[in-house]
Amino acid sequence: MMVALTSETVVRVHPDAVVQRVGGRFMAATADDCLHSFEAPDGSVSEVGERIIELVDGSRSIGGIVDVLVEEFEVSREVAEVDTRQFIELLLGKLVLTAA
């Protein structure tokens, strides 16, 4: 069952996943033996995606993550909210993250 994401939802690394920096970029290994990296559509490292992963600390809400992204990147709050939620939903589906 998927949790409905709100700005108050707190996300954390899934208990069966490992996320760490490898060669200067984040990689995630999941229980199904999949390895995930965080890339932009052109295949380059996604600075925003990697920053979201850095901000997932088990205590920060999605709204808190969006606050940091709006402050650090030239992006509107609306765009940051939609993109962050979509990225987190993708990682929830891949069992990299879990939400409570």
PDB file of N, CA and C in Angstrom:
ATOM      1  N   MET A   1       0.846  -1.194   0.000  1.00  0.00           N
ATOM      2  CA  MET A   1       0.000   0.000   0.000  1.00  0.00           C
ATOM      3  C   MET A   1       0.879   1.240   0.000  1.00  0.00           C
ATOM      4  N   MET A   2       0.622   2.162  -0.913  1.00  0.00           N
ATOM      5  CA  MET A   2       1.395   3.379  -1.047  1.00  0.00           C
ATOM      6  C   MET A   2       0.815   4.457  -0.132  1.00  0.00           C
ATOM      7  N   VAL A   3       1.692   5.128   0.591  1.00  0.00           N
ATOM      8  CA  VAL A   3       1.292   6.227   1.460  1.00  0.00           C
ATOM      9  C   VAL A   3       1.020   7.452   0.592  1.00  0.00           C
ATOM     10  N   ALA A   4      -0.075   8.153   0.865  1.00  0.00           N
ATOM     11  CA  ALA A   4      -0.361   9.398   0.153  1.00  0.00           C
ATOM     12  C   ALA A   4       0.624  10.455   0.645  1.00  0.00           C
ATOM     13  N   LEU A   5       1.406  11.007  -0.271  1.00  0.00           N
ATOM     14  CA  LEU A   5       2.433  11.964   0.115  1.00  0.00           C
ATOM     15  C   LEU A   5       1.848  13.352   0.300  1.00  0.00           C
ATOM     16  N   THR A   6       2.211  13.976   1.403  1.00  0.00           N
ATOM     17  CA  THR A   6       1.861  15.367   1.672  1.00  0.00           C
ATOM     18  C   THR A   6       3.149  16.099   2.027  1.00  0.00           C
ATOM     19  N   SER A   7       3.071  17.386   2.213  1.00  0.00           N
ATOM     20  CA  SER A   7       4.276  18.141   2.587  1.00  0.00           C
ATOM     21  C   SER A   7       4.769  17.750   3.984  1.00  0.00           C
ATOM     22  N   GLU A   8       3.900  17.121   4.792  1.00  0.00           N
ATOM     23  CA  GLU A   8       4.295  16.698   6.139  1.00  0.00           C
ATOM     24  C   GLU A   8       4.879  15.278   6.172  1.00  0.00           C
ATOM     25  N   THR A   9       4.784  14.547   5.060  1.00  0.00           N
ATOM     26  CA  THR A   9       5.289  13.179   5.016  1.00  0.00           C
ATOM     27  C   THR A   9       6.798  13.176   5.208  1.00  0.00           C
ATOM     28  N   VAL A  10       7.269  12.308   6.068  1.00  0.00           N
ATOM     29  CA  VAL A  10       8.702  12.133   6.303  1.00  0.00           C
ATOM     30  C   VAL A  10       9.146  10.886   5.554  1.00  0.00           C
ATOM     31  N   VAL A  11      10.216  11.019   4.793  1.00  0.00           N
ATOM     32  CA  VAL A  11      10.755   9.878   4.056  1.00  0.00           C
ATOM     33  C   VAL A  11      12.118   9.515   4.610  1.00  0.00           C
ATOM     34  N   ARG A  12      12.448   8.240   4.475  1.00  0.00           N
ATOM     35  CA  ARG A  12      13.749   7.737   4.933  1.00  0.00           C
ATOM     36  C   ARG A  12      14.190   6.643   3.983  1.00  0.00           C
ATOM     37  N   VAL A  13      15.456   6.303   4.074  1.00  0.00           N
ATOM     38  CA  VAL A  13      15.963   5.201   3.262  1.00  0.00           C
ATOM     39  C   VAL A  13      15.261   3.932   3.716  1.00  0.00           C
ATOM     40  N   HIS A  14      14.829   3.142   2.754  1.00  0.00           N
ATOM     41  CA  HIS A  14      14.152   1.877   3.044  1.00  0.00           C
ATOM     42  C   HIS A  14      15.073   1.004   3.891  1.00  0.00           C
ATOM     43  N   PRO A  15      14.531   0.292   4.892  1.00  0.00           N
ATOM     44  CA  PRO A  15      15.389  -0.527   5.766  1.00  0.00           C
ATOM     45  C   PRO A  15      16.144  -1.638   5.043  1.00  0.00           C
ATOM     46  N   ASP A  16      15.677  -2.038   3.867  1.00  0.00           N
ATOM     47  CA  ASP A  16      16.352  -3.089   3.102  1.00  0.00           C
ATOM     48  C   ASP A  16      17.230  -2.522   1.987  1.00  0.00           C
ATOM     49  N   ALA A  17      17.465  -1.208   1.997  1.00  0.00           N
ATOM     50  CA  ALA A  17      18.284  -0.565   0.966  1.00  0.00           C
ATOM     51  C   ALA A  17      19.510   0.079   1.603  1.00  0.00           C
ATOM     52  N   VAL A  18      20.521   0.255   0.794  1.00  0.00           N
ATOM     53  CA  VAL A  18      21.738   0.955   1.213  1.00  0.00           C
ATOM     54  C   VAL A  18      21.972   2.075   0.216  1.00  0.00           C
ATOM     55  N   VAL A  19      22.151   3.292   0.734  1.00  0.00           N
ATOM     56  CA  VAL A  19      22.452   4.435  -0.114  1.00  0.00           C
ATOM     57  C   VAL A  19      23.772   5.010   0.359  1.00  0.00           C
ATOM     58  N   GLN A  20      24.714   5.149  -0.573  1.00  0.00           N
ATOM     59  CA  GLN A  20      26.004   5.739  -0.205  1.00  0.00           C
ATOM     60  C   GLN A  20      26.665   6.328  -1.431  1.00  0.00           C
ATOM     61  N   ARG A  21      27.672   7.159  -1.176  1.00  0.00           N
ATOM     62  CA  ARG A  21      28.452   7.746  -2.265  1.00  0.00           C
ATOM     63  C   ARG A  21      29.465   6.727  -2.763  1.00  0.00           C
ATOM     64  N   VAL A  22      29.519   6.587  -4.060  1.00  0.00           N
ATOM     65  CA  VAL A  22      30.486   5.709  -4.711  1.00  0.00           C
ATOM     66  C   VAL A  22      31.105   6.515  -5.848  1.00  0.00           C
ATOM     67  N   GLY A  23      32.395   6.744  -5.783  1.00  0.00           N
ATOM     68  CA  GLY A  23      33.039   7.518  -6.845  1.00  0.00           C
ATOM     69  C   GLY A  23      32.490   8.912  -6.993  1.00  0.00           C
ATOM     70  N   GLY A  24      32.081   9.526  -5.889  1.00  0.00           N
ATOM     71  CA  GLY A  24      31.586  10.899  -5.920  1.00  0.00           C
ATOM     72  C   GLY A  24      30.117  11.061  -6.243  1.00  0.00           C
ATOM     73  N   ARG A  25      29.408   9.963  -6.467  1.00  0.00           N
ATOM     74  CA  ARG A  25      27.976  10.094  -6.721  1.00  0.00           C
ATOM     75  C   ARG A  25      27.202   9.079  -5.884  1.00  0.00           C
ATOM     76  N   PHE A  26      25.939   9.392  -5.626  1.00  0.00           N
ATOM     77  CA  PHE A  26      25.113   8.501  -4.828  1.00  0.00           C
ATOM     78  C   PHE A  26      24.658   7.296  -5.643  1.00  0.00           C
ATOM     79  N   MET A  27      24.687   6.147  -4.989  1.00  0.00           N
ATOM     80  CA  MET A  27      24.172   4.910  -5.549  1.00  0.00           C
ATOM     81  C   MET A  27      23.301   4.270  -4.469  1.00  0.00           C
ATOM     82  N   ALA A  28      22.302   3.529  -4.899  1.00  0.00           N
ATOM     83  CA  ALA A  28      21.434   2.820  -3.960  1.00  0.00           C
ATOM     84  C   ALA A  28      21.351   1.363  -4.388  1.00  0.00           C
ATOM     85  N   ALA A  29      21.530   0.478  -3.431  1.00  0.00           N
ATOM     86  CA  ALA A  29      21.359  -0.956  -3.659  1.00  0.00           C
ATOM     87  C   ALA A  29      20.114  -1.385  -2.896  1.00  0.00           C
ATOM     88  N   THR A  30      19.222  -2.105  -3.577  1.00  0.00           N
ATOM     89  CA  THR A  30      17.977  -2.533  -2.946  1.00  0.00           C
ATOM     90  C   THR A  30      17.964  -4.046  -2.763  1.00  0.00           C
ATOM     91  N   ALA A  31      17.025  -4.515  -1.976  1.00  0.00           N
ATOM     92  CA  ALA A  31      16.948  -5.934  -1.606  1.00  0.00           C
ATOM     93  C   ALA A  31      16.767  -6.848  -2.813  1.00  0.00           C
ATOM     94  N   ASP A  32      16.246  -6.324  -3.917  1.00  0.00           N
ATOM     95  CA  ASP A  32      16.054  -7.137  -5.120  1.00  0.00           C
ATOM     96  C   ASP A  32      17.304  -7.168  -6.000  1.00  0.00           C
ATOM     97  N   ASP A  33      18.455  -6.802  -5.398  1.00  0.00           N
ATOM     98  CA  ASP A  33      19.751  -6.804  -6.091  1.00  0.00           C
ATOM     99  C   ASP A  33      19.835  -5.791  -7.228  1.00  0.00           C
ATOM    100  N   CYS A  34      19.044  -4.740  -7.157  1.00  0.00           N
ATOM    101  CA  CYS A  34      19.121  -3.674  -8.151  1.00  0.00           C
ATOM    102  C   CYS A  34      20.032  -2.570  -7.638  1.00  0.00           C
ATOM    103  N   LEU A  35      20.736  -1.938  -8.553  1.00  0.00           N
ATOM    104  CA  LEU A  35      21.594  -0.803  -8.241  1.00  0.00           C
ATOM    105  C   LEU A  35      21.017   0.416  -8.938  1.00  0.00           C
ATOM    106  N   HIS A  36      20.816   1.494  -8.191  1.00  0.00           N
ATOM    107  CA  HIS A  36      20.186   2.697  -8.733  1.00  0.00           C
ATOM    108  C   HIS A  36      21.144   3.874  -8.610  1.00  0.00           C
ATOM    109  N   SER A  37      21.173   4.719  -9.646  1.00  0.00           N
ATOM    110  CA  SER A  37      21.897   5.980  -9.581  1.00  0.00           C
ATOM    111  C   SER A  37      20.876   7.083  -9.846  1.00  0.00           C
ATOM    112  N   PHE A  38      21.292   8.300  -9.631  1.00  0.00           N
ATOM    113  CA  PHE A  38      20.349   9.414  -9.703  1.00  0.00           C
ATOM    114  C   PHE A  38      20.802  10.349 -10.818  1.00  0.00           C
ATOM    115  N   GLU A  39      20.189  10.168 -11.993  1.00  0.00           N
ATOM    116  CA  GLU A  39      20.621  10.861 -13.188  1.00  0.00           C
ATOM    117  C   GLU A  39      19.544  11.760 -13.755  1.00  0.00           C
ATOM    118  N   ALA A  40      20.013  12.786 -14.431  1.00  0.00           N
ATOM    119  CA  ALA A  40      19.135  13.683 -15.171  1.00  0.00           C
ATOM    120  C   ALA A  40      18.711  12.967 -16.449  1.00  0.00           C
ATOM    121  N   PRO A  41      17.701  13.487 -17.149  1.00  0.00           N
ATOM    122  CA  PRO A  41      17.249  12.841 -18.378  1.00  0.00           C
ATOM    123  C   PRO A  41      18.362  12.637 -19.413  1.00  0.00           C
ATOM    124  N   ASP A  42      19.385  13.493 -19.420  1.00  0.00           N
ATOM    125  CA  ASP A  42      20.467  13.353 -20.396  1.00  0.00           C
ATOM    126  C   ASP A  42      21.553  12.374 -19.947  1.00  0.00           C
ATOM    127  N   GLY A  43      21.358  11.728 -18.794  1.00  0.00           N
ATOM    128  CA  GLY A  43      22.314  10.747 -18.300  1.00  0.00           C
ATOM    129  C   GLY A  43      23.382  11.308 -17.380  1.00  0.00           C
ATOM    130  N   SER A  44      23.435  12.627 -17.228  1.00  0.00           N
ATOM    131  CA  SER A  44      24.406  13.230 -16.313  1.00  0.00           C
ATOM    132  C   SER A  44      23.895  13.108 -14.871  1.00  0.00           C
ATOM    133  N   VAL A  45      24.786  13.323 -13.930  1.00  0.00           N
ATOM    134  CA  VAL A  45      24.389  13.279 -12.524  1.00  0.00           C
ATOM    135  C   VAL A  45      23.370  14.384 -12.270  1.00  0.00           C
ATOM    136  N   SER A  46      22.272  14.053 -11.611  1.00  0.00           N
ATOM    137  CA  SER A  46      21.259  15.045 -11.268  1.00  0.00           C
ATOM    138  C   SER A  46      21.623  15.674  -9.929  1.00  0.00           C
ATOM    139  N   GLU A  47      22.068  16.923  -9.982  1.00  0.00           N
ATOM    140  CA  GLU A  47      22.417  17.613  -8.738  1.00  0.00           C
ATOM    141  C   GLU A  47      21.216  17.693  -7.800  1.00  0.00           C
ATOM    142  N   VAL A  48      20.045  17.968  -8.361  1.00  0.00           N
ATOM    143  CA  VAL A  48      18.845  18.084  -7.531  1.00  0.00           C
ATOM    144  C   VAL A  48      18.475  16.720  -6.953  1.00  0.00           C
ATOM    145  N   GLY A  49      18.505  15.675  -7.779  1.00  0.00           N
ATOM    146  CA  GLY A  49      18.202  14.332  -7.293  1.00  0.00           C
ATOM    147  C   GLY A  49      19.143  13.912  -6.176  1.00  0.00           C
ATOM    148  N   GLU A  50      20.432  14.166  -6.367  1.00  0.00           N
ATOM    149  CA  GLU A  50      21.398  13.801  -5.332  1.00  0.00           C
ATOM    150  C   GLU A  50      21.193  14.652  -4.078  1.00  0.00           C
ATOM    151  N   ARG A  51      20.814  15.923  -4.250  1.00  0.00           N
ATOM    152  CA  ARG A  51      20.568  16.777  -3.082  1.00  0.00           C
ATOM    153  C   ARG A  51      19.351  16.270  -2.313  1.00  0.00           C
ATOM    154  N   ILE A  52      18.325  15.825  -3.023  1.00  0.00           N
ATOM    155  CA  ILE A  52      17.153  15.265  -2.343  1.00  0.00           C
ATOM    156  C   ILE A  52      17.582  14.056  -1.520  1.00  0.00           C
ATOM    157  N   ILE A  53      18.402  13.180  -2.097  1.00  0.00           N
ATOM    158  CA  ILE A  53      18.876  12.005  -1.366  1.00  0.00           C
ATOM    159  C   ILE A  53      19.650  12.433  -0.126  1.00  0.00           C
ATOM    160  N   GLU A  54      20.488  13.457  -0.240  1.00  0.00           N
ATOM    161  CA  GLU A  54      21.226  13.962   0.931  1.00  0.00           C
ATOM    162  C   GLU A  54      20.284  14.455   2.025  1.00  0.00           C
ATOM    163  N   LEU A  55      19.182  15.057   1.609  1.00  0.00           N
ATOM    164  CA  LEU A  55      18.240  15.655   2.561  1.00  0.00           C
ATOM    165  C   LEU A  55      17.302  14.639   3.204  1.00  0.00           C
ATOM    166  N   VAL A  56      17.215  13.442   2.642  1.00  0.00           N
ATOM    167  CA  VAL A  56      16.382  12.389   3.231  1.00  0.00           C
ATOM    168  C   VAL A  56      17.131  11.850   4.441  1.00  0.00           C
ATOM    169  N   ASP A  57      16.710  12.302   5.622  1.00  0.00           N
ATOM    170  CA  ASP A  57      17.432  11.936   6.843  1.00  0.00           C
ATOM    171  C   ASP A  57      16.549  11.232   7.869  1.00  0.00           C
ATOM    172  N   GLY A  58      15.313  10.929   7.498  1.00  0.00           N
ATOM    173  CA  GLY A  58      14.421  10.244   8.414  1.00  0.00           C
ATOM    174  C   GLY A  58      13.685  11.162   9.368  1.00  0.00           C
ATOM    175  N   SER A  59      14.014  12.454   9.344  1.00  0.00           N
ATOM    176  CA  SER A  59      13.297  13.392  10.210  1.00  0.00           C
ATOM    177  C   SER A  59      12.762  14.596   9.429  1.00  0.00           C
ATOM    178  N   ARG A  60      13.316  14.858   8.273  1.00  0.00           N
ATOM    179  CA  ARG A  60      12.886  16.006   7.470  1.00  0.00           C
ATOM    180  C   ARG A  60      11.682  15.612   6.622  1.00  0.00           C
ATOM    181  N   SER A  61      10.688  16.478   6.597  1.00  0.00           N
ATOM    182  CA  SER A  61       9.485  16.238   5.800  1.00  0.00           C
ATOM    183  C   SER A  61       9.741  16.607   4.334  1.00  0.00           C
ATOM    184  N   ILE A  62       8.837  16.200   3.478  1.00  0.00           N
ATOM    185  CA  ILE A  62       8.932  16.584   2.068  1.00  0.00           C
ATOM    186  C   ILE A  62       8.902  18.108   1.957  1.00  0.00           C
ATOM    187  N   GLY A  63       8.057  18.746   2.737  1.00  0.00           N
ATOM    188  CA  GLY A  63       8.012  20.214   2.741  1.00  0.00           C
ATOM    189  C   GLY A  63       9.341  20.818   3.149  1.00  0.00           C
ATOM    190  N   GLY A  64      10.016  20.203   4.112  1.00  0.00           N
ATOM    191  CA  GLY A  64      11.338  20.669   4.538  1.00  0.00           C
ATOM    192  C   GLY A  64      12.370  20.498   3.444  1.00  0.00           C
ATOM    193  N   ILE A  65      12.290  19.401   2.714  1.00  0.00           N
ATOM    194  CA  ILE A  65      13.194  19.174   1.581  1.00  0.00           C
ATOM    195  C   ILE A  65      12.951  20.231   0.515  1.00  0.00           C
ATOM    196  N   VAL A  66      11.682  20.497   0.210  1.00  0.00           N
ATOM    197  CA  VAL A  66      11.333  21.514  -0.791  1.00  0.00           C
ATOM    198  C   VAL A  66      11.850  22.884  -0.343  1.00  0.00           C
ATOM    199  N   ASP A  67      11.729  23.214   0.933  1.00  0.00           N
ATOM    200  CA  ASP A  67      12.237  24.496   1.434  1.00  0.00           C
ATOM    201  C   ASP A  67      13.708  24.675   1.095  1.00  0.00           C
ATOM    202  N   VAL A  68      14.498  23.625   1.330  1.00  0.00           N
ATOM    203  CA  VAL A  68      15.938  23.696   1.055  1.00  0.00           C
ATOM    204  C   VAL A  68      16.180  23.843  -0.445  1.00  0.00           C
ATOM    205  N   LEU A  69      15.464  23.077  -1.260  1.00  0.00           N
ATOM    206  CA  LEU A  69      15.665  23.141  -2.714  1.00  0.00           C
ATOM    207  C   LEU A  69      15.341  24.518  -3.270  1.00  0.00           C
ATOM    208  N   VAL A  70      14.268  25.127  -2.786  1.00  0.00           N
ATOM    209  CA  VAL A  70      13.883  26.461  -3.251  1.00  0.00           C
ATOM    210  C   VAL A  70      14.966  27.475  -2.870  1.00  0.00           C
ATOM    211  N   GLU A  71      15.563  27.290  -1.710  1.00  0.00           N
ATOM    212  CA  GLU A  71      16.611  28.196  -1.245  1.00  0.00           C
ATOM    213  C   GLU A  71      17.908  28.006  -2.038  1.00  0.00           C
ATOM    214  N   GLU A  72      18.239  26.774  -2.375  1.00  0.00           N
ATOM    215  CA  GLU A  72      19.533  26.480  -2.990  1.00  0.00           C
ATOM    216  C   GLU A  72      19.541  26.503  -4.517  1.00  0.00           C
ATOM    217  N   PHE A  73      18.403  26.263  -5.144  1.00  0.00           N
ATOM    218  CA  PHE A  73      18.330  26.207  -6.610  1.00  0.00           C
ATOM    219  C   PHE A  73      17.374  27.275  -7.121  1.00  0.00           C
ATOM    220  N   GLU A  74      17.572  27.689  -8.350  1.00  0.00           N
ATOM    221  CA  GLU A  74      16.672  28.668  -8.956  1.00  0.00           C
ATOM    222  C   GLU A  74      15.435  27.940  -9.468  1.00  0.00           C
ATOM    223  N   VAL A  75      14.480  27.736  -8.572  1.00  0.00           N
ATOM    224  CA  VAL A  75      13.270  26.996  -8.905  1.00  0.00           C
ATOM    225  C   VAL A  75      12.117  27.561  -8.079  1.00  0.00           C
ATOM    226  N   SER A  76      10.936  27.583  -8.681  1.00  0.00           N
ATOM    227  CA  SER A  76       9.764  28.045  -7.932  1.00  0.00           C
ATOM    228  C   SER A  76       9.335  26.958  -6.952  1.00  0.00           C
ATOM    229  N   ARG A  77       8.646  27.356  -5.932  1.00  0.00           N
ATOM    230  CA  ARG A  77       8.166  26.397  -4.937  1.00  0.00           C
ATOM    231  C   ARG A  77       7.246  25.364  -5.595  1.00  0.00           C
ATOM    232  N   GLU A  78       6.371  25.816  -6.493  1.00  0.00           N
ATOM    233  CA  GLU A  78       5.423  24.914  -7.136  1.00  0.00           C
ATOM    234  C   GLU A  78       6.142  23.823  -7.930  1.00  0.00           C
ATOM    235  N   VAL A  79       7.134  24.218  -8.713  1.00  0.00           N
ATOM    236  CA  VAL A  79       7.901  23.254  -9.511  1.00  0.00           C
ATOM    237  C   VAL A  79       8.675  22.309  -8.590  1.00  0.00           C
ATOM    238  N   ALA A  80       9.302  22.866  -7.552  1.00  0.00           N
ATOM    239  CA  ALA A  80      10.071  22.042  -6.606  1.00  0.00           C
ATOM    240  C   ALA A  80       9.173  21.018  -5.924  1.00  0.00           C
ATOM    241  N   GLU A  81       7.953  21.415  -5.546  1.00  0.00           N
ATOM    242  CA  GLU A  81       7.035  20.488  -4.882  1.00  0.00           C
ATOM    243  C   GLU A  81       6.646  19.336  -5.804  1.00  0.00           C
ATOM    244  N   VAL A  82       6.278  19.652  -7.030  1.00  0.00           N
ATOM    245  CA  VAL A  82       5.844  18.619  -7.976  1.00  0.00           C
ATOM    246  C   VAL A  82       7.003  17.683  -8.301  1.00  0.00           C
ATOM    247  N   ASP A  83       8.158  18.252  -8.637  1.00  0.00           N
ATOM    248  CA  ASP A  83       9.307  17.429  -9.023  1.00  0.00           C
ATOM    249  C   ASP A  83       9.807  16.575  -7.861  1.00  0.00           C
ATOM    250  N   THR A  84       9.849  17.148  -6.665  1.00  0.00           N
ATOM    251  CA  THR A  84      10.316  16.396  -5.491  1.00  0.00           C
ATOM    252  C   THR A  84       9.368  15.248  -5.191  1.00  0.00           C
ATOM    253  N   ARG A  85       8.094  15.510  -5.227  1.00  0.00           N
ATOM    254  CA  ARG A  85       7.106  14.457  -4.964  1.00  0.00           C
ATOM    255  C   ARG A  85       7.205  13.334  -5.999  1.00  0.00           C
ATOM    256  N   GLN A  86       7.353  13.690  -7.268  1.00  0.00           N
ATOM    257  CA  GLN A  86       7.469  12.671  -8.318  1.00  0.00           C
ATOM    258  C   GLN A  86       8.736  11.835  -8.126  1.00  0.00           C
ATOM    259  N   PHE A  87       9.844  12.490  -7.787  1.00  0.00           N
ATOM    260  CA  PHE A  87      11.106  11.779  -7.580  1.00  0.00           C
ATOM    261  C   PHE A  87      10.988  10.837  -6.386  1.00  0.00           C
ATOM    262  N   ILE A  88      10.403  11.315  -5.307  1.00  0.00           N
ATOM    263  CA  ILE A  88      10.232  10.478  -4.112  1.00  0.00           C
ATOM    264  C   ILE A  88       9.295   9.311  -4.414  1.00  0.00           C
ATOM    265  N   GLU A  89       8.218   9.549  -5.143  1.00  0.00           N
ATOM    266  CA  GLU A  89       7.306   8.458  -5.514  1.00  0.00           C
ATOM    267  C   GLU A  89       8.036   7.395  -6.329  1.00  0.00           C
ATOM    268  N   LEU A  90       8.897   7.818  -7.235  1.00  0.00           N
ATOM    269  CA  LEU A  90       9.689   6.877  -8.038  1.00  0.00           C
ATOM    270  C   LEU A  90      10.580   6.017  -7.132  1.00  0.00           C
ATOM    271  N   LEU A  91      11.238   6.666  -6.166  1.00  0.00           N
ATOM    272  CA  LEU A  91      12.132   5.931  -5.266  1.00  0.00           C
ATOM    273  C   LEU A  91      11.370   5.064  -4.272  1.00  0.00           C
ATOM    274  N   LEU A  92      10.165   5.450  -3.915  1.00  0.00           N
ATOM    275  CA  LEU A  92       9.316   4.586  -3.090  1.00  0.00           C
ATOM    276  C   LEU A  92       8.974   3.321  -3.858  1.00  0.00           C
ATOM    277  N   GLY A  93       8.637   3.476  -5.129  1.00  0.00           N
ATOM    278  CA  GLY A  93       8.289   2.338  -5.969  1.00  0.00           C
ATOM    279  C   GLY A  93       9.452   1.381  -6.189  1.00  0.00           C
ATOM    280  N   LYS A  94      10.677   1.922  -6.173  1.00  0.00           N
ATOM    281  CA  LYS A  94      11.876   1.093  -6.367  1.00  0.00           C
ATOM    282  C   LYS A  94      12.408   0.541  -5.045  1.00  0.00           C
ATOM    283  N   LEU A  95      11.708   0.864  -3.944  1.00  0.00           N
ATOM    284  CA  LEU A  95      12.085   0.428  -2.591  1.00  0.00           C
ATOM    285  C   LEU A  95      13.431   0.976  -2.136  1.00  0.00           C
ATOM    286  N   VAL A  96      13.785   2.143  -2.666  1.00  0.00           N
ATOM    287  CA  VAL A  96      14.969   2.863  -2.174  1.00  0.00           C
ATOM    288  C   VAL A  96      14.586   3.652  -0.936  1.00  0.00           C
ATOM    289  N   LEU A  97      13.377   4.231  -0.951  1.00  0.00           N
ATOM    290  CA  LEU A  97      12.872   5.023   0.183  1.00  0.00           C
ATOM    291  C   LEU A  97      11.597   4.394   0.720  1.00  0.00           C
ATOM    292  N   THR A  98      11.257   4.798   1.927  1.00  0.00           N
ATOM    293  CA  THR A  98       9.984   4.440   2.539  1.00  0.00           C
ATOM    294  C   THR A  98       9.431   5.709   3.183  1.00  0.00           C
ATOM    295  N   ALA A  99       8.128   5.773   3.339  1.00  0.00           N
ATOM    296  CA  ALA A  99       7.473   6.970   3.891  1.00  0.00           C
ATOM    297  C   ALA A  99       6.608   6.584   5.068  1.00  0.00           C
ATOM    298  N   ALA A 100       6.496   7.531   6.000  1.00  0.00           N
ATOM    299  CA  ALA A 100       5.645   7.313   7.170  1.00  0.00           C
ATOM    300  C   ALA A 100       4.747   8.514   7.406  1.00  0.00           C
TER     301      ALA A 100
END
